[in-house]
Amino acid sequence: MLGASSIAAKLMNCPKCQSPQIIKYGHTHYGKPRFRCQDCGRQFVEGATRQPIDETTRQLIDKLLLERLALAAIARVTGVSQRWLQMYVNQKFYQTPRTIEVTQKNRDG
């Protein structure tokens, strides 16, 4: 006899590649069934409530980071998780060049 999550896996498509090759792949720590696409390897939860962070929110976060607000405050104001925000800041850090070149300006004019 097939369980409800096995039936659901057969009726859904991968949110990334739209493949119907979906298998049950354990469950989240909240107890929701997790699925995995056999074609692209994407893992997902059916009916996930979290949405991607839009560009305007990312721009606001960038401005608030320049104001040197605490990460907890930025997360609270923008509605993103502290975990996501920390990963975003780390990504920004690794994208920043470690050295800069300065050219001397001629005063002769």
PDB file of N, CA and C in Angstrom:
ATOM      1  N   MET A   1       0.831  -1.184   0.000  1.00  0.00           N
ATOM      2  CA  MET A   1       0.000   0.000   0.000  1.00  0.00           C
ATOM      3  C   MET A   1       0.877   1.250   0.000  1.00  0.00           C
ATOM      4  N   LEU A   2       0.552   2.213  -0.834  1.00  0.00           N
ATOM      5  CA  LEU A   2       1.324   3.438  -0.955  1.00  0.00           C
ATOM      6  C   LEU A   2       0.892   4.453   0.088  1.00  0.00           C
ATOM      7  N   GLY A   3       1.869   5.132   0.694  1.00  0.00           N
ATOM      8  CA  GLY A   3       1.572   6.185   1.652  1.00  0.00           C
ATOM      9  C   GLY A   3       1.203   7.472   0.931  1.00  0.00           C
ATOM     10  N   ALA A   4       0.703   8.447   1.675  1.00  0.00           N
ATOM     11  CA  ALA A   4       0.276   9.714   1.090  1.00  0.00           C
ATOM     12  C   ALA A   4       1.441  10.450   0.437  1.00  0.00           C
ATOM     13  N   SER A   5       2.628  10.380   1.073  1.00  0.00           N
ATOM     14  CA  SER A   5       3.771  11.091   0.495  1.00  0.00           C
ATOM     15  C   SER A   5       4.264  10.406  -0.778  1.00  0.00           C
ATOM     16  N   SER A   6       4.147   9.079  -0.865  1.00  0.00           N
ATOM     17  CA  SER A   6       4.538   8.373  -2.082  1.00  0.00           C
ATOM     18  C   SER A   6       3.611   8.733  -3.233  1.00  0.00           C
ATOM     19  N   ILE A   7       2.336   8.864  -2.943  1.00  0.00           N
ATOM     20  CA  ILE A   7       1.365   9.255  -3.967  1.00  0.00           C
ATOM     21  C   ILE A   7       1.640  10.692  -4.399  1.00  0.00           C
ATOM     22  N   ALA A   8       1.933  11.565  -3.437  1.00  0.00           N
ATOM     23  CA  ALA A   8       2.221  12.964  -3.761  1.00  0.00           C
ATOM     24  C   ALA A   8       3.446  13.066  -4.655  1.00  0.00           C
ATOM     25  N   ALA A   9       4.464  12.239  -4.405  1.00  0.00           N
ATOM     26  CA  ALA A   9       5.678  12.270  -5.213  1.00  0.00           C
ATOM     27  C   ALA A   9       5.380  11.909  -6.654  1.00  0.00           C
ATOM     28  N   LYS A  10       4.448  11.034  -6.878  1.00  0.00           N
ATOM     29  CA  LYS A  10       4.115  10.624  -8.235  1.00  0.00           C
ATOM     30  C   LYS A  10       3.289  11.690  -8.968  1.00  0.00           C
ATOM     31  N   LEU A  11       2.656  12.607  -8.233  1.00  0.00           N
ATOM     32  CA  LEU A  11       1.785  13.607  -8.851  1.00  0.00           C
ATOM     33  C   LEU A  11       2.441  14.970  -9.027  1.00  0.00           C
ATOM     34  N   MET A  12       3.679  15.149  -8.549  1.00  0.00           N
ATOM     35  CA  MET A  12       4.304  16.478  -8.629  1.00  0.00           C
ATOM     36  C   MET A  12       5.500  16.475  -9.571  1.00  0.00           C
ATOM     37  N   ASN A  13       5.875  17.676  -9.947  1.00  0.00           N
ATOM     38  CA  ASN A  13       7.047  17.881 -10.786  1.00  0.00           C
ATOM     39  C   ASN A  13       8.080  18.670 -10.003  1.00  0.00           C
ATOM     40  N   CYS A  14       9.332  18.544 -10.413  1.00  0.00           N
ATOM     41  CA  CYS A  14      10.425  19.270  -9.779  1.00  0.00           C
ATOM     42  C   CYS A  14      10.235  20.776 -10.003  1.00  0.00           C
ATOM     43  N   PRO A  15      10.370  21.599  -8.945  1.00  0.00           N
ATOM     44  CA  PRO A  15      10.219  23.042  -9.123  1.00  0.00           C
ATOM     45  C   PRO A  15      11.351  23.670  -9.939  1.00  0.00           C
ATOM     46  N   LYS A  16      12.485  22.982 -10.075  1.00  0.00           N
ATOM     47  CA  LYS A  16      13.623  23.529 -10.815  1.00  0.00           C
ATOM     48  C   LYS A  16      13.584  23.145 -12.288  1.00  0.00           C
ATOM     49  N   CYS A  17      13.443  21.837 -12.571  1.00  0.00           N
ATOM     50  CA  CYS A  17      13.536  21.376 -13.963  1.00  0.00           C
ATOM     51  C   CYS A  17      12.219  20.817 -14.514  1.00  0.00           C
ATOM     52  N   GLN A  18      11.187  20.784 -13.685  1.00  0.00           N
ATOM     53  CA  GLN A  18       9.854  20.298 -14.060  1.00  0.00           C
ATOM     54  C   GLN A  18       9.805  18.808 -14.395  1.00  0.00           C
ATOM     55  N   SER A  19      10.818  18.061 -13.983  1.00  0.00           N
ATOM     56  CA  SER A  19      10.829  16.623 -14.230  1.00  0.00           C
ATOM     57  C   SER A  19       9.826  15.926 -13.317  1.00  0.00           C
ATOM     58  N   PRO A  20       9.150  14.880 -13.822  1.00  0.00           N
ATOM     59  CA  PRO A  20       8.239  14.123 -12.962  1.00  0.00           C
ATOM     60  C   PRO A  20       8.955  13.022 -12.156  1.00  0.00           C
ATOM     61  N   GLN A  21      10.268  12.900 -12.324  1.00  0.00           N
ATOM     62  CA  GLN A  21      11.046  11.848 -11.652  1.00  0.00           C
ATOM     63  C   GLN A  21      11.364  12.256 -10.214  1.00  0.00           C
ATOM     64  N   ILE A  22      10.369  12.169  -9.330  1.00  0.00           N
ATOM     65  CA  ILE A  22      10.486  12.616  -7.946  1.00  0.00           C
ATOM     66  C   ILE A  22      10.416  11.408  -7.017  1.00  0.00           C
ATOM     67  N   ILE A  23      11.298  11.398  -6.011  1.00  0.00           N
ATOM     68  CA  ILE A  23      11.253  10.343  -4.999  1.00  0.00           C
ATOM     69  C   ILE A  23      11.174  10.982  -3.617  1.00  0.00           C
ATOM     70  N   LYS A  24      10.610  10.229  -2.676  1.00  0.00           N
ATOM     71  CA  LYS A  24      10.576  10.686  -1.290  1.00  0.00           C
ATOM     72  C   LYS A  24      12.008  10.616  -0.762  1.00  0.00           C
ATOM     73  N   TYR A  25      12.413  11.676  -0.015  1.00  0.00           N
ATOM     74  CA  TYR A  25      13.806  11.773   0.408  1.00  0.00           C
ATOM     75  C   TYR A  25      13.885  12.189   1.871  1.00  0.00           C
ATOM     76  N   GLY A  26      13.192  11.460   2.721  1.00  0.00           N
ATOM     77  CA  GLY A  26      13.216  11.755   4.156  1.00  0.00           C
ATOM     78  C   GLY A  26      12.189  12.806   4.525  1.00  0.00           C
ATOM     79  N   HIS A  27      12.490  13.540   5.603  1.00  0.00           N
ATOM     80  CA  HIS A  27      11.572  14.575   6.061  1.00  0.00           C
ATOM     81  C   HIS A  27      12.356  15.697   6.740  1.00  0.00           C
ATOM     82  N   THR A  28      11.725  16.856   6.848  1.00  0.00           N
ATOM     83  CA  THR A  28      12.363  18.000   7.491  1.00  0.00           C
ATOM     84  C   THR A  28      12.318  17.815   9.001  1.00  0.00           C
ATOM     85  N   HIS A  29      13.016  18.683   9.724  1.00  0.00           N
ATOM     86  CA  HIS A  29      12.974  18.582  11.178  1.00  0.00           C
ATOM     87  C   HIS A  29      11.612  19.006  11.722  1.00  0.00           C
ATOM     88  N   TYR A  30      10.745  19.547  10.870  1.00  0.00           N
ATOM     89  CA  TYR A  30       9.370  19.853  11.259  1.00  0.00           C
ATOM     90  C   TYR A  30       8.423  18.693  10.961  1.00  0.00           C
ATOM     91  N   GLY A  31       8.959  17.626  10.366  1.00  0.00           N
ATOM     92  CA  GLY A  31       8.149  16.452  10.083  1.00  0.00           C
ATOM     93  C   GLY A  31       7.512  16.434   8.710  1.00  0.00           C
ATOM     94  N   LYS A  32       7.744  17.466   7.893  1.00  0.00           N
ATOM     95  CA  LYS A  32       7.170  17.487   6.547  1.00  0.00           C
ATOM     96  C   LYS A  32       7.997  16.586   5.636  1.00  0.00           C
ATOM     97  N   PRO A  33       7.336  15.861   4.725  1.00  0.00           N
ATOM     98  CA  PRO A  33       8.108  15.006   3.809  1.00  0.00           C
ATOM     99  C   PRO A  33       8.941  15.833   2.837  1.00  0.00           C
ATOM    100  N   ARG A  34      10.180  15.370   2.621  1.00  0.00           N
ATOM    101  CA  ARG A  34      11.103  16.015   1.691  1.00  0.00           C
ATOM    102  C   ARG A  34      11.181  15.132   0.447  1.00  0.00           C
ATOM    103  N   PHE A  35      11.320  15.770  -0.706  1.00  0.00           N
ATOM    104  CA  PHE A  35      11.402  15.052  -1.970  1.00  0.00           C
ATOM    105  C   PHE A  35      12.680  15.444  -2.694  1.00  0.00           C
ATOM    106  N   ARG A  36      13.095  14.565  -3.615  1.00  0.00           N
ATOM    107  CA  ARG A  36      14.303  14.819  -4.395  1.00  0.00           C
ATOM    108  C   ARG A  36      14.041  14.477  -5.850  1.00  0.00           C
ATOM    109  N   CYS A  37      14.518  15.342  -6.745  1.00  0.00           N
ATOM    110  CA  CYS A  37      14.394  15.101  -8.183  1.00  0.00           C
ATOM    111  C   CYS A  37      15.526  14.169  -8.606  1.00  0.00           C
ATOM    112  N   GLN A  38      15.186  13.113  -9.310  1.00  0.00           N
ATOM    113  CA  GLN A  38      16.203  12.168  -9.758  1.00  0.00           C
ATOM    114  C   GLN A  38      16.972  12.689 -10.969  1.00  0.00           C
ATOM    115  N   ASP A  39      16.447  13.702 -11.649  1.00  0.00           N
ATOM    116  CA  ASP A  39      17.132  14.240 -12.817  1.00  0.00           C
ATOM    117  C   ASP A  39      18.158  15.309 -12.448  1.00  0.00           C
ATOM    118  N   CYS A  40      17.740  16.322 -11.673  1.00  0.00           N
ATOM    119  CA  CYS A  40      18.663  17.432 -11.370  1.00  0.00           C
ATOM    120  C   CYS A  40      19.197  17.396  -9.937  1.00  0.00           C
ATOM    121  N   GLY A  41      18.631  16.557  -9.075  1.00  0.00           N
ATOM    122  CA  GLY A  41      19.127  16.434  -7.713  1.00  0.00           C
ATOM    123  C   GLY A  41      18.552  17.452  -6.733  1.00  0.00           C
ATOM    124  N   ARG A  42      17.675  18.325  -7.186  1.00  0.00           N
ATOM    125  CA  ARG A  42      17.084  19.355  -6.325  1.00  0.00           C
ATOM    126  C   ARG A  42      16.248  18.700  -5.230  1.00  0.00           C
ATOM    127  N   GLN A  43      16.443  19.165  -3.994  1.00  0.00           N
ATOM    128  CA  GLN A  43      15.628  18.715  -2.870  1.00  0.00           C
ATOM    129  C   GLN A  43      14.616  19.799  -2.554  1.00  0.00           C
ATOM    130  N   PHE A  44      13.390  19.398  -2.213  1.00  0.00           N
ATOM    131  CA  PHE A  44      12.366  20.385  -1.919  1.00  0.00           C
ATOM    132  C   PHE A  44      11.277  19.777  -1.048  1.00  0.00           C
ATOM    133  N   VAL A  45      10.488  20.660  -0.478  1.00  0.00           N
ATOM    134  CA  VAL A  45       9.338  20.281   0.336  1.00  0.00           C
ATOM    135  C   VAL A  45       8.104  20.754  -0.411  1.00  0.00           C
ATOM    136  N   GLU A  46       7.113  19.913  -0.525  1.00  0.00           N
ATOM    137  CA  GLU A  46       5.893  20.273  -1.229  1.00  0.00           C
ATOM    138  C   GLU A  46       5.169  21.391  -0.475  1.00  0.00           C
ATOM    139  N   GLY A  47       4.755  22.397  -1.207  1.00  0.00           N
ATOM    140  CA  GLY A  47       4.006  23.491  -0.602  1.00  0.00           C
ATOM    141  C   GLY A  47       4.834  24.327   0.359  1.00  0.00           C
ATOM    142  N   ALA A  48       6.111  24.496   0.066  1.00  0.00           N
ATOM    143  CA  ALA A  48       6.979  25.281   0.950  1.00  0.00           C
ATOM    144  C   ALA A  48       6.445  26.706   1.056  1.00  0.00           C
ATOM    145  N   THR A  49       6.492  27.262   2.265  1.00  0.00           N
ATOM    146  CA  THR A  49       5.958  28.597   2.496  1.00  0.00           C
ATOM    147  C   THR A  49       7.007  29.672   2.301  1.00  0.00           C
ATOM    148  N   ARG A  50       8.287  29.318   2.324  1.00  0.00           N
ATOM    149  CA  ARG A  50       9.355  30.307   2.159  1.00  0.00           C
ATOM    150  C   ARG A  50       9.470  30.686   0.687  1.00  0.00           C
ATOM    151  N   GLN A  51       9.557  31.971   0.427  1.00  0.00           N
ATOM    152  CA  GLN A  51       9.701  32.477  -0.932  1.00  0.00           C
ATOM    153  C   GLN A  51      11.092  33.089  -1.093  1.00  0.00           C
ATOM    154  N   PRO A  52      11.607  33.148  -2.316  1.00  0.00           N
ATOM    155  CA  PRO A  52      12.904  33.791  -2.525  1.00  0.00           C
ATOM    156  C   PRO A  52      12.863  35.260  -2.093  1.00  0.00           C
ATOM    157  N   ILE A  53      13.991  35.779  -1.658  1.00  0.00           N
ATOM    158  CA  ILE A  53      14.092  37.170  -1.232  1.00  0.00           C
ATOM    159  C   ILE A  53      14.154  38.043  -2.484  1.00  0.00           C
ATOM    160  N   ASP A  54      13.235  38.999  -2.608  1.00  0.00           N
ATOM    161  CA  ASP A  54      13.183  39.809  -3.829  1.00  0.00           C
ATOM    162  C   ASP A  54      14.298  40.856  -3.858  1.00  0.00           C
ATOM    163  N   GLU A  55      14.486  41.445  -5.042  1.00  0.00           N
ATOM    164  CA  GLU A  55      15.606  42.359  -5.267  1.00  0.00           C
ATOM    165  C   GLU A  55      15.491  43.628  -4.433  1.00  0.00           C
ATOM    166  N   THR A  56      14.290  44.140  -4.232  1.00  0.00           N
ATOM    167  CA  THR A  56      14.146  45.360  -3.435  1.00  0.00           C
ATOM    168  C   THR A  56      14.530  45.113  -1.973  1.00  0.00           C
ATOM    169  N   THR A  57      14.213  43.935  -1.458  1.00  0.00           N
ATOM    170  CA  THR A  57      14.611  43.602  -0.086  1.00  0.00           C
ATOM    171  C   THR A  57      16.124  43.467   0.001  1.00  0.00           C
ATOM    172  N   ARG A  58      16.734  42.866  -1.002  1.00  0.00           N
ATOM    173  CA  ARG A  58      18.198  42.743  -1.019  1.00  0.00           C
ATOM    174  C   ARG A  58      18.870  44.115  -1.067  1.00  0.00           C
ATOM    175  N   GLN A  59      18.308  45.035  -1.842  1.00  0.00           N
ATOM    176  CA  GLN A  59      18.865  46.389  -1.906  1.00  0.00           C
ATOM    177  C   GLN A  59      18.730  47.097  -0.559  1.00  0.00           C
ATOM    178  N   LEU A  60      17.584  46.911   0.114  1.00  0.00           N
ATOM    179  CA  LEU A  60      17.397  47.497   1.437  1.00  0.00           C
ATOM    180  C   LEU A  60      18.406  46.915   2.423  1.00  0.00           C
ATOM    181  N   ILE A  61      18.620  45.609   2.351  1.00  0.00           N
ATOM    182  CA  ILE A  61      19.595  44.956   3.229  1.00  0.00           C
ATOM    183  C   ILE A  61      20.983  45.526   2.981  1.00  0.00           C
ATOM    184  N   ASP A  62      21.346  45.716   1.709  1.00  0.00           N
ATOM    185  CA  ASP A  62      22.658  46.294   1.388  1.00  0.00           C
ATOM    186  C   ASP A  62      22.815  47.673   2.017  1.00  0.00           C
ATOM    187  N   LYS A  63      21.776  48.506   1.933  1.00  0.00           N
ATOM    188  CA  LYS A  63      21.830  49.846   2.523  1.00  0.00           C
ATOM    189  C   LYS A  63      21.942  49.774   4.042  1.00  0.00           C
ATOM    190  N   LEU A  64      21.192  48.866   4.666  1.00  0.00           N
ATOM    191  CA  LEU A  64      21.246  48.741   6.118  1.00  0.00           C
ATOM    192  C   LEU A  64      22.596  48.196   6.581  1.00  0.00           C
ATOM    193  N   LEU A  65      23.206  47.340   5.780  1.00  0.00           N
ATOM    194  CA  LEU A  65      24.547  46.850   6.116  1.00  0.00           C
ATOM    195  C   LEU A  65      25.560  47.988   6.088  1.00  0.00           C
ATOM    196  N   LEU A  66      25.411  48.893   5.130  1.00  0.00           N
ATOM    197  CA  LEU A  66      26.312  50.047   5.065  1.00  0.00           C
ATOM    198  C   LEU A  66      26.127  50.975   6.266  1.00  0.00           C
ATOM    199  N   GLU A  67      24.935  50.968   6.852  1.00  0.00           N
ATOM    200  CA  GLU A  67      24.668  51.764   8.053  1.00  0.00           C
ATOM    201  C   GLU A  67      25.199  51.085   9.313  1.00  0.00           C
ATOM    202  N   ARG A  68      25.751  49.895   9.137  1.00  0.00           N
ATOM    203  CA  ARG A  68      26.360  49.118  10.227  1.00  0.00           C
ATOM    204  C   ARG A  68      25.378  48.739  11.331  1.00  0.00           C
ATOM    205  N   LEU A  69      24.141  48.431  10.934  1.00  0.00           N
ATOM    206  CA  LEU A  69      23.158  47.928  11.890  1.00  0.00           C
ATOM    207  C   LEU A  69      23.488  46.485  12.234  1.00  0.00           C
ATOM    208  N   ALA A  70      23.045  46.045  13.386  1.00  0.00           N
ATOM    209  CA  ALA A  70      23.241  44.655  13.792  1.00  0.00           C
ATOM    210  C   ALA A  70      22.456  43.736  12.858  1.00  0.00           C
ATOM    211  N   LEU A  71      23.001  42.547  12.616  1.00  0.00           N
ATOM    212  CA  LEU A  71      22.327  41.599  11.728  1.00  0.00           C
ATOM    213  C   LEU A  71      20.950  41.231  12.255  1.00  0.00           C
ATOM    214  N   ALA A  72      20.819  41.087  13.568  1.00  0.00           N
ATOM    215  CA  ALA A  72      19.518  40.748  14.151  1.00  0.00           C
ATOM    216  C   ALA A  72      18.497  41.845  13.854  1.00  0.00           C
ATOM    217  N   ALA A  73      18.927  43.100  13.913  1.00  0.00           N
ATOM    218  CA  ALA A  73      18.021  44.212  13.623  1.00  0.00           C
ATOM    219  C   ALA A  73      17.621  44.217  12.151  1.00  0.00           C
ATOM    220  N   ILE A  74      18.580  43.980  11.270  1.00  0.00           N
ATOM    221  CA  ILE A  74      18.284  43.943   9.836  1.00  0.00           C
ATOM    222  C   ILE A  74      17.316  42.805   9.527  1.00  0.00           C
ATOM    223  N   ALA A  75      17.541  41.648  10.128  1.00  0.00           N
ATOM    224  CA  ALA A  75      16.660  40.500   9.899  1.00  0.00           C
ATOM    225  C   ALA A  75      15.248  40.812  10.386  1.00  0.00           C
ATOM    226  N   ARG A  76      15.142  41.446  11.530  1.00  0.00           N
ATOM    227  CA  ARG A  76      13.842  41.778  12.103  1.00  0.00           C
ATOM    228  C   ARG A  76      13.097  42.788  11.227  1.00  0.00           C
ATOM    229  N   VAL A  77      13.796  43.815  10.761  1.00  0.00           N
ATOM    230  CA  VAL A  77      13.170  44.874   9.965  1.00  0.00           C
ATOM    231  C   VAL A  77      12.740  44.364   8.593  1.00  0.00           C
ATOM    232  N   THR A  78      13.570  43.546   7.967  1.00  0.00           N
ATOM    233  CA  THR A  78      13.289  43.106   6.591  1.00  0.00           C
ATOM    234  C   THR A  78      12.476  41.817   6.519  1.00  0.00           C
ATOM    235  N   GLY A  79      12.378  41.089   7.628  1.00  0.00           N
ATOM    236  CA  GLY A  79      11.582  39.863   7.629  1.00  0.00           C
ATOM    237  C   GLY A  79      12.311  38.640   7.099  1.00  0.00           C
ATOM    238  N   VAL A  80      13.638  38.695   6.994  1.00  0.00           N
ATOM    239  CA  VAL A  80      14.404  37.524   6.568  1.00  0.00           C
ATOM    240  C   VAL A  80      14.947  36.821   7.808  1.00  0.00           C
ATOM    241  N   SER A  81      15.327  35.582   7.662  1.00  0.00           N
ATOM    242  CA  SER A  81      15.894  34.860   8.800  1.00  0.00           C
ATOM    243  C   SER A  81      17.332  35.302   9.039  1.00  0.00           C
ATOM    244  N   GLN A  82      17.773  35.199  10.285  1.00  0.00           N
ATOM    245  CA  GLN A  82      19.155  35.560  10.607  1.00  0.00           C
ATOM    246  C   GLN A  82      20.120  34.631   9.898  1.00  0.00           C
ATOM    247  N   ARG A  83      19.732  33.379   9.760  1.00  0.00           N
ATOM    248  CA  ARG A  83      20.595  32.405   9.073  1.00  0.00           C
ATOM    249  C   ARG A  83      20.795  32.803   7.613  1.00  0.00           C
ATOM    250  N   TRP A  84      19.688  33.161   6.919  1.00  0.00           N
ATOM    251  CA  TRP A  84      19.803  33.578   5.525  1.00  0.00           C
ATOM    252  C   TRP A  84      20.660  34.830   5.425  1.00  0.00           C
ATOM    253  N   LEU A  85      20.424  35.776   6.326  1.00  0.00           N
ATOM    254  CA  LEU A  85      21.158  37.036   6.300  1.00  0.00           C
ATOM    255  C   LEU A  85      22.653  36.803   6.500  1.00  0.00           C
ATOM    256  N   GLN A  86      23.019  35.918   7.412  1.00  0.00           N
ATOM    257  CA  GLN A  86      24.433  35.633   7.637  1.00  0.00           C
ATOM    258  C   GLN A  86      25.054  35.007   6.388  1.00  0.00           C
ATOM    259  N   MET A  87      24.345  34.110   5.724  1.00  0.00           N
ATOM    260  CA  MET A  87      24.856  33.520   4.479  1.00  0.00           C
ATOM    261  C   MET A  87      24.996  34.592   3.394  1.00  0.00           C
ATOM    262  N   TYR A  88      24.053  35.527   3.338  1.00  0.00           N
ATOM    263  CA  TYR A  88      24.097  36.618   2.360  1.00  0.00           C
ATOM    264  C   TYR A  88      25.312  37.510   2.619  1.00  0.00           C
ATOM    265  N   VAL A  89      25.551  37.853   3.877  1.00  0.00           N
ATOM    266  CA  VAL A  89      26.703  38.692   4.231  1.00  0.00           C
ATOM    267  C   VAL A  89      28.003  37.967   3.906  1.00  0.00           C
ATOM    268  N   ASN A  90      28.081  36.678   4.212  1.00  0.00           N
ATOM    269  CA  ASN A  90      29.278  35.903   3.889  1.00  0.00           C
ATOM    270  C   ASN A  90      29.528  35.895   2.385  1.00  0.00           C
ATOM    271  N   GLN A  91      28.463  35.735   1.611  1.00  0.00           N
ATOM    272  CA  GLN A  91      28.592  35.742   0.148  1.00  0.00           C
ATOM    273  C   GLN A  91      29.118  37.093  -0.336  1.00  0.00           C
ATOM    274  N   LYS A  92      28.588  38.180   0.206  1.00  0.00           N
ATOM    275  CA  LYS A  92      29.058  39.520  -0.152  1.00  0.00           C
ATOM    276  C   LYS A  92      30.534  39.686   0.208  1.00  0.00           C
ATOM    277  N   PHE A  93      30.921  39.178   1.380  1.00  0.00           N
ATOM    278  CA  PHE A  93      32.303  39.280   1.835  1.00  0.00           C
ATOM    279  C   PHE A  93      33.250  38.585   0.867  1.00  0.00           C
ATOM    280  N   TYR A  94      32.902  37.375   0.446  1.00  0.00           N
ATOM    281  CA  TYR A  94      33.783  36.619  -0.445  1.00  0.00           C
ATOM    282  C   TYR A  94      33.818  37.198  -1.850  1.00  0.00           C
ATOM    283  N   GLN A  95      32.811  37.990  -2.237  1.00  0.00           N
ATOM    284  CA  GLN A  95      32.797  38.626  -3.555  1.00  0.00           C
ATOM    285  C   GLN A  95      33.593  39.933  -3.570  1.00  0.00           C
ATOM    286  N   THR A  96      33.911  40.457  -2.395  1.00  0.00           N
ATOM    287  CA  THR A  96      34.625  41.729  -2.295  1.00  0.00           C
ATOM    288  C   THR A  96      36.110  41.511  -2.567  1.00  0.00           C
ATOM    289  N   PRO A  97      36.709  42.327  -3.450  1.00  0.00           N
ATOM    290  CA  PRO A  97      38.146  42.181  -3.724  1.00  0.00           C
ATOM    291  C   PRO A  97      38.977  42.429  -2.462  1.00  0.00           C
ATOM    292  N   ARG A  98      40.046  41.685  -2.303  1.00  0.00           N
ATOM    293  CA  ARG A  98      40.908  41.815  -1.123  1.00  0.00           C
ATOM    294  C   ARG A  98      41.887  42.976  -1.251  1.00  0.00           C
ATOM    295  N   THR A  99      42.221  43.342  -2.469  1.00  0.00           N
ATOM    296  CA  THR A  99      43.154  44.450  -2.686  1.00  0.00           C
ATOM    297  C   THR A  99      42.523  45.442  -3.647  1.00  0.00           C
ATOM    298  N   ILE A 100      42.929  46.669  -3.504  1.00  0.00           N
ATOM    299  CA  ILE A 100      42.468  47.691  -4.443  1.00  0.00           C
ATOM    300  C   ILE A 100      43.685  48.411  -5.004  1.00  0.00           C
ATOM    301  N   GLU A 101      43.554  48.930  -6.209  1.00  0.00           N
ATOM    302  CA  GLU A 101      44.642  49.672  -6.825  1.00  0.00           C
ATOM    303  C   GLU A 101      44.338  51.158  -6.737  1.00  0.00           C
ATOM    304  N   VAL A 102      45.325  51.906  -6.338  1.00  0.00           N
ATOM    305  CA  VAL A 102      45.183  53.353  -6.235  1.00  0.00           C
ATOM    306  C   VAL A 102      46.191  53.982  -7.173  1.00  0.00           C
ATOM    307  N   THR A 103      45.720  54.868  -8.020  1.00  0.00           N
ATOM    308  CA  THR A 103      46.628  55.578  -8.917  1.00  0.00           C
ATOM    309  C   THR A 103      46.772  57.004  -8.420  1.00  0.00           C
ATOM    310  N   GLN A 104      47.984  57.499  -8.486  1.00  0.00           N
ATOM    311  CA  GLN A 104      48.264  58.841  -8.010  1.00  0.00           C
ATOM    312  C   GLN A 104      47.806  59.848  -9.049  1.00  0.00           C
ATOM    313  N   LYS A 105      47.128  60.864  -8.581  1.00  0.00           N
ATOM    314  CA  LYS A 105      46.606  61.888  -9.468  1.00  0.00           C
ATOM    315  C   LYS A 105      47.673  62.957  -9.671  1.00  0.00           C
ATOM    316  N   ASN A 106      47.873  63.371 -10.929  1.00  0.00           N
ATOM    317  CA  ASN A 106      48.840  64.430 -11.242  1.00  0.00           C
ATOM    318  C   ASN A 106      48.317  65.769 -10.759  1.00  0.00           C
ATOM    319  N   ARG A 107      49.154  66.504 -10.076  1.00  0.00           N
ATOM    320  CA  ARG A 107      48.754  67.832  -9.609  1.00  0.00           C
ATOM    321  C   ARG A 107      49.133  68.895 -10.643  1.00  0.00           C
ATOM    322  N   ASP A 108      49.867  68.472 -11.645  1.00  0.00           N
ATOM    323  CA  ASP A 108      50.242  69.424 -12.701  1.00  0.00           C
ATOM    324  C   ASP A 108      49.018  69.651 -13.577  1.00  0.00           C
ATOM    325  N   GLY A 109      48.713  70.824 -13.852  1.00  0.00           N
ATOM    326  CA  GLY A 109      47.514  70.990 -14.626  1.00  0.00           C
ATOM    327  C   GLY A 109      47.456  72.206 -15.343  1.00  0.00           C
TER     328      GLY A 109
END
